[in-house]
Amino acid sequence: MTGFLGARHLLQGIGTVGRPGPDVLGLGAEVDLVHSATALALGVLDGRRRRAGLVDAAVAGSFAVAGLAVTRDAVRRPPRRRRRPRG
């Protein structure tokens, strides 16, 4: 499971770097929010995995909050235009 989540984070990061618009950033934040909710449920319902689930929920929740903040800033900020080289 850890490998799957690590791969998901890697793919999400690559997708965000490739196209960092508000739509992609917002989708990433939503995925992190779902991840946080499912990890929280795991931590609450499975005593053997409580600590791991709660820590994972906190980390994913932090990523979701950061992603929402970045998305909000991206919506407020107009897209940057590339400058043409002078010559």
N, C-alpha and C. Protein backbone atom coordinates (compact mmCIF):
# COMPACT_ATOMS: atom_id res chain seq x y z
N MET A 1 0.81 -1.19 0.00
CA MET A 1 0.00 0.00 0.00
C MET A 1 0.86 1.26 0.00
N THR A 2 1.94 1.23 0.75
CA THR A 2 2.82 2.39 0.82
C THR A 2 3.41 2.72 -0.55
N GLY A 3 3.80 1.67 -1.29
CA GLY A 3 4.34 1.88 -2.63
C GLY A 3 3.32 2.52 -3.56
N PHE A 4 2.07 2.08 -3.45
CA PHE A 4 0.99 2.64 -4.28
C PHE A 4 0.81 4.13 -3.97
N LEU A 5 0.77 4.47 -2.69
CA LEU A 5 0.59 5.87 -2.31
C LEU A 5 1.78 6.72 -2.72
N GLY A 6 2.99 6.14 -2.60
CA GLY A 6 4.17 6.87 -3.06
C GLY A 6 4.13 7.13 -4.56
N ALA A 7 3.70 6.14 -5.32
CA ALA A 7 3.58 6.30 -6.77
C ALA A 7 2.51 7.35 -7.10
N ARG A 8 1.42 7.35 -6.35
CA ARG A 8 0.37 8.34 -6.57
C ARG A 8 0.89 9.75 -6.32
N HIS A 9 1.66 9.94 -5.26
CA HIS A 9 2.25 11.25 -4.97
C HIS A 9 3.20 11.67 -6.09
N LEU A 10 3.99 10.73 -6.56
CA LEU A 10 4.94 11.04 -7.63
C LEU A 10 4.21 11.45 -8.91
N LEU A 11 3.21 10.69 -9.30
CA LEU A 11 2.44 11.03 -10.50
C LEU A 11 1.69 12.35 -10.34
N GLN A 12 1.16 12.58 -9.16
CA GLN A 12 0.46 13.83 -8.91
C GLN A 12 1.44 15.01 -9.02
N GLY A 13 2.64 14.85 -8.49
CA GLY A 13 3.65 15.90 -8.58
C GLY A 13 4.07 16.18 -10.02
N ILE A 14 4.26 15.11 -10.78
CA ILE A 14 4.65 15.27 -12.19
C ILE A 14 3.54 15.98 -12.96
N GLY A 15 2.29 15.58 -12.71
CA GLY A 15 1.16 16.22 -13.39
C GLY A 15 1.02 17.68 -13.01
N THR A 16 1.33 18.00 -11.78
CA THR A 16 1.21 19.38 -11.32
C THR A 16 2.32 20.24 -11.92
N VAL A 17 3.52 19.71 -12.00
CA VAL A 17 4.63 20.48 -12.59
C VAL A 17 4.39 20.69 -14.08
N GLY A 18 3.85 19.67 -14.75
CA GLY A 18 3.62 19.77 -16.19
C GLY A 18 2.55 20.76 -16.57
N ARG A 19 1.54 20.92 -15.72
CA ARG A 19 0.42 21.81 -16.04
C ARG A 19 -0.15 22.38 -14.74
N PRO A 20 0.52 23.37 -14.14
CA PRO A 20 0.14 23.83 -12.81
C PRO A 20 -0.99 24.85 -12.78
N GLY A 21 -2.05 24.64 -13.56
CA GLY A 21 -3.19 25.56 -13.53
C GLY A 21 -4.08 25.27 -12.34
N PRO A 22 -5.03 26.17 -12.10
CA PRO A 22 -5.92 26.00 -10.95
C PRO A 22 -6.73 24.70 -10.99
N ASP A 23 -7.09 24.25 -12.18
CA ASP A 23 -7.87 23.01 -12.29
C ASP A 23 -7.06 21.81 -11.82
N VAL A 24 -5.83 21.72 -12.23
CA VAL A 24 -4.96 20.60 -11.83
C VAL A 24 -4.61 20.70 -10.34
N LEU A 25 -4.31 21.88 -9.88
CA LEU A 25 -3.98 22.07 -8.46
C LEU A 25 -5.18 21.72 -7.58
N GLY A 26 -6.36 22.15 -7.99
CA GLY A 26 -7.57 21.85 -7.23
C GLY A 26 -7.87 20.37 -7.19
N LEU A 27 -7.68 19.69 -8.31
CA LEU A 27 -7.90 18.24 -8.36
C LEU A 27 -6.92 17.53 -7.42
N GLY A 28 -5.68 17.97 -7.40
CA GLY A 28 -4.70 17.38 -6.49
C GLY A 28 -5.10 17.56 -5.04
N ALA A 29 -5.62 18.75 -4.71
CA ALA A 29 -6.07 19.00 -3.33
C ALA A 29 -7.25 18.11 -2.97
N GLU A 30 -8.15 17.90 -3.93
CA GLU A 30 -9.30 17.03 -3.67
C GLU A 30 -8.85 15.59 -3.45
N VAL A 31 -7.90 15.13 -4.23
CA VAL A 31 -7.38 13.77 -4.05
C VAL A 31 -6.74 13.64 -2.67
N ASP A 32 -5.98 14.64 -2.26
CA ASP A 32 -5.36 14.62 -0.93
C ASP A 32 -6.42 14.63 0.18
N LEU A 33 -7.50 15.35 -0.03
CA LEU A 33 -8.57 15.39 0.96
C LEU A 33 -9.24 14.02 1.10
N VAL A 34 -9.50 13.35 -0.02
CA VAL A 34 -10.07 12.00 0.03
C VAL A 34 -9.10 11.05 0.72
N HIS A 35 -7.83 11.16 0.39
CA HIS A 35 -6.80 10.33 1.02
C HIS A 35 -6.81 10.54 2.53
N SER A 36 -6.89 11.80 2.95
CA SER A 36 -6.91 12.10 4.38
C SER A 36 -8.13 11.48 5.06
N ALA A 37 -9.28 11.58 4.42
CA ALA A 37 -10.50 11.04 5.01
C ALA A 37 -10.44 9.52 5.14
N THR A 38 -9.92 8.84 4.12
CA THR A 38 -9.85 7.37 4.19
C THR A 38 -8.80 6.93 5.21
N ALA A 39 -7.70 7.65 5.30
CA ALA A 39 -6.68 7.31 6.31
C ALA A 39 -7.22 7.55 7.72
N LEU A 40 -8.00 8.60 7.90
CA LEU A 40 -8.61 8.88 9.19
C LEU A 40 -9.57 7.74 9.58
N ALA A 41 -10.37 7.31 8.61
CA ALA A 41 -11.28 6.19 8.87
C ALA A 41 -10.50 4.94 9.26
N LEU A 42 -9.41 4.67 8.57
CA LEU A 42 -8.57 3.52 8.90
C LEU A 42 -8.04 3.64 10.33
N GLY A 43 -7.56 4.82 10.68
CA GLY A 43 -7.01 5.03 12.01
C GLY A 43 -8.05 4.87 13.11
N VAL A 44 -9.26 5.27 12.83
CA VAL A 44 -10.32 5.18 13.82
C VAL A 44 -10.85 3.74 13.95
N LEU A 45 -10.97 3.05 12.81
CA LEU A 45 -11.62 1.75 12.81
C LEU A 45 -10.70 0.56 13.04
N ASP A 46 -9.41 0.72 12.77
CA ASP A 46 -8.48 -0.41 12.89
C ASP A 46 -7.45 -0.10 13.97
N GLY A 47 -7.63 -0.71 15.13
CA GLY A 47 -6.74 -0.44 16.25
C GLY A 47 -5.28 -0.76 15.97
N ARG A 48 -5.01 -1.79 15.16
CA ARG A 48 -3.63 -2.15 14.86
C ARG A 48 -2.95 -1.11 13.99
N ARG A 49 -3.72 -0.41 13.19
CA ARG A 49 -3.14 0.58 12.26
C ARG A 49 -3.48 2.02 12.68
N ARG A 50 -3.90 2.18 13.91
CA ARG A 50 -4.36 3.49 14.38
C ARG A 50 -3.30 4.58 14.19
N ARG A 51 -2.11 4.35 14.71
CA ARG A 51 -1.08 5.38 14.64
C ARG A 51 -0.73 5.72 13.19
N ALA A 52 -0.50 4.70 12.37
CA ALA A 52 -0.15 4.94 10.97
C ALA A 52 -1.27 5.66 10.24
N GLY A 53 -2.51 5.25 10.49
CA GLY A 53 -3.64 5.89 9.83
C GLY A 53 -3.79 7.35 10.22
N LEU A 54 -3.64 7.64 11.50
CA LEU A 54 -3.80 9.02 11.96
C LEU A 54 -2.66 9.91 11.49
N VAL A 55 -1.44 9.38 11.48
CA VAL A 55 -0.31 10.16 10.96
C VAL A 55 -0.50 10.42 9.47
N ASP A 56 -0.89 9.39 8.74
CA ASP A 56 -1.12 9.53 7.30
C ASP A 56 -2.24 10.54 7.03
N ALA A 57 -3.30 10.49 7.84
CA ALA A 57 -4.41 11.44 7.68
C ALA A 57 -3.93 12.87 7.91
N ALA A 58 -3.08 13.06 8.92
CA ALA A 58 -2.57 14.41 9.20
C ALA A 58 -1.69 14.92 8.06
N VAL A 59 -0.83 14.06 7.54
CA VAL A 59 0.06 14.46 6.44
C VAL A 59 -0.77 14.77 5.18
N ALA A 60 -1.68 13.88 4.83
CA ALA A 60 -2.51 14.10 3.64
C ALA A 60 -3.39 15.33 3.81
N GLY A 61 -3.90 15.54 5.03
CA GLY A 61 -4.69 16.74 5.29
C GLY A 61 -3.87 18.00 5.13
N SER A 62 -2.62 17.95 5.55
CA SER A 62 -1.72 19.10 5.36
C SER A 62 -1.48 19.39 3.89
N PHE A 63 -1.28 18.32 3.12
CA PHE A 63 -1.12 18.50 1.67
C PHE A 63 -2.39 19.09 1.05
N ALA A 64 -3.56 18.64 1.52
CA ALA A 64 -4.82 19.16 0.99
C ALA A 64 -4.97 20.65 1.30
N VAL A 65 -4.67 21.05 2.52
CA VAL A 65 -4.78 22.47 2.90
C VAL A 65 -3.80 23.31 2.09
N ALA A 66 -2.57 22.83 1.94
CA ALA A 66 -1.58 23.56 1.14
C ALA A 66 -2.02 23.63 -0.32
N GLY A 67 -2.56 22.53 -0.83
CA GLY A 67 -3.04 22.51 -2.22
C GLY A 67 -4.18 23.47 -2.44
N LEU A 68 -5.09 23.57 -1.49
CA LEU A 68 -6.20 24.51 -1.61
C LEU A 68 -5.71 25.95 -1.57
N ALA A 69 -4.71 26.23 -0.74
CA ALA A 69 -4.15 27.59 -0.67
C ALA A 69 -3.47 27.95 -1.99
N VAL A 70 -2.71 27.03 -2.54
CA VAL A 70 -2.03 27.29 -3.82
C VAL A 70 -3.06 27.46 -4.94
N THR A 71 -4.12 26.66 -4.90
CA THR A 71 -5.18 26.77 -5.91
C THR A 71 -5.84 28.14 -5.82
N ARG A 72 -6.14 28.57 -4.61
CA ARG A 72 -6.77 29.88 -4.42
C ARG A 72 -5.88 30.98 -4.98
N ASP A 73 -4.58 30.91 -4.72
CA ASP A 73 -3.65 31.90 -5.24
C ASP A 73 -3.58 31.85 -6.77
N ALA A 74 -3.62 30.65 -7.32
CA ALA A 74 -3.54 30.50 -8.78
C ALA A 74 -4.79 31.08 -9.45
N VAL A 75 -5.94 30.97 -8.81
CA VAL A 75 -7.16 31.53 -9.37
C VAL A 75 -7.11 33.05 -9.34
N ARG A 76 -6.57 33.61 -8.27
CA ARG A 76 -6.49 35.07 -8.13
C ARG A 76 -5.45 35.69 -9.04
N ARG A 77 -4.42 34.95 -9.36
CA ARG A 77 -3.29 35.48 -10.13
C ARG A 77 -3.50 35.17 -11.61
N PRO A 78 -3.41 36.16 -12.47
CA PRO A 78 -3.55 35.88 -13.90
C PRO A 78 -2.35 35.06 -14.39
N PRO A 79 -2.54 34.25 -15.44
CA PRO A 79 -1.42 33.45 -15.94
C PRO A 79 -0.28 34.33 -16.45
N ARG A 80 0.92 33.88 -16.21
CA ARG A 80 2.10 34.62 -16.67
C ARG A 80 2.31 34.35 -18.15
N ARG A 81 2.67 35.38 -18.85
CA ARG A 81 2.99 35.22 -20.26
C ARG A 81 4.49 35.15 -20.41
N ARG A 82 4.91 34.31 -21.30
CA ARG A 82 6.35 34.21 -21.55
C ARG A 82 6.80 35.39 -22.39
N ARG A 83 7.91 35.92 -22.02
CA ARG A 83 8.46 37.04 -22.78
C ARG A 83 9.22 36.53 -23.98
N ARG A 84 9.10 37.25 -25.04
CA ARG A 84 9.87 36.92 -26.22
C ARG A 84 11.27 37.47 -26.06
N PRO A 85 12.26 36.70 -26.47
CA PRO A 85 13.63 37.24 -26.38
C PRO A 85 13.81 38.40 -27.35
N ARG A 86 14.53 39.37 -26.88
CA ARG A 86 14.81 40.54 -27.73
C ARG A 86 15.89 40.16 -28.73
N GLY A 87 15.74 40.69 -29.89
CA GLY A 87 16.80 40.35 -30.82
C GLY A 87 16.60 40.81 -32.14
